[in-house]
Amino acid sequence: MARLPVWILRLFAAAFVLGLLAAATRPAAQSAPGSSSPEAIAPLQPPPPGITGDEIFAQLVRHNELRNAALRQYSAIRTYAVTNTKGKVHAQKIVQMDYRAPGRKTFVTTSEKGSSVVRHLVLNRLIESEAGAATGKEHHDSSITPANYTLVLLGEEQIGPSRCYVVQAVPNRKDKYLFEGKVWIDTQDFAIVKIAGHPAKKLSFWIERAEFVRQYQKAGEFWLPLKDETAVDVKFYGKKILTIDHRLSTVNEARPGSETRQNAQALSDSVAPAPE
């Protein structure tokens, strides 16, 4: 969906609130930085000769428009969680999300646990922000379009079952509503499979670093969210992690088949966990 990159902004907004929340509480003792070595990364394979980032961008925009026009409805069970690097859950919220074209999203909470302060200030605000953006109440243009980004082709890589072009997303301006990072685009469907990056502009004094990874899953002709993970390094407090898992229930009133679940699992397995 063309508007889904706005999700990145809402994750960064939640990261900003997490930073303020942590700063307002008594700082925990800081541990020494880890000395673990970086993971070995396989080199990218060269792309076919003649293709450019601009051509891939044009195809991505065109295919997104076609998919958006065909998507009437989808629903998912979402699990929101705020944890530390050891996996301790500070707050969790499970909701039923339903999208109806052209821009209506509803959320029904089915269960919640953990800190009521974190749920109110972070998770509830995140959900309210998304509902508002779907109806057009938020007017910030953060979409992945040529108006906001330049895509530089780096190579190709296999992500789960998808062969992907790997591009560097370079924002056209320093803007807290844009990001810098990499985008993996399926070579057949011209759909985004994964995005990894950080804000193009520093979020606040309290946030040393904020990085995110978003994964998508294929359901029929559509590519919809699979998992979001945003890691925030808060000054004097340490790292907090916000995750959102998306389990599709229906797409255009039909239940996703076993192939969708297998592809989602393969994509999830192909992405290494964020380093602590």
Foldseek 3Di string as FASTA:
>chain_A
DQPVLLLVLLVVVLLLLVQVVQVPDDADDDDDDDPDDDDDDDAFAADDPPDWQVNLQVLLVVLVVVVLVPFAKWKWWKKKFKAAPVRHTQKIWIWIWMDGPPFAIDIDTDDMDHDPVSCVRRVVVSVVVRRCVSVPVDPDDAGPHPVFWGWGFDHWDDQQPFIWTKTWTDTPDQDQSYWTFIWTAGPPSSYTAKTKTFGSYDDDPFWPGKIKMWGWFDFPSDTHTAKIKIWTQTPSHGIMIIMMGIGIQDTPNHGGDPVRVSSSVRNVVRDDDDDD
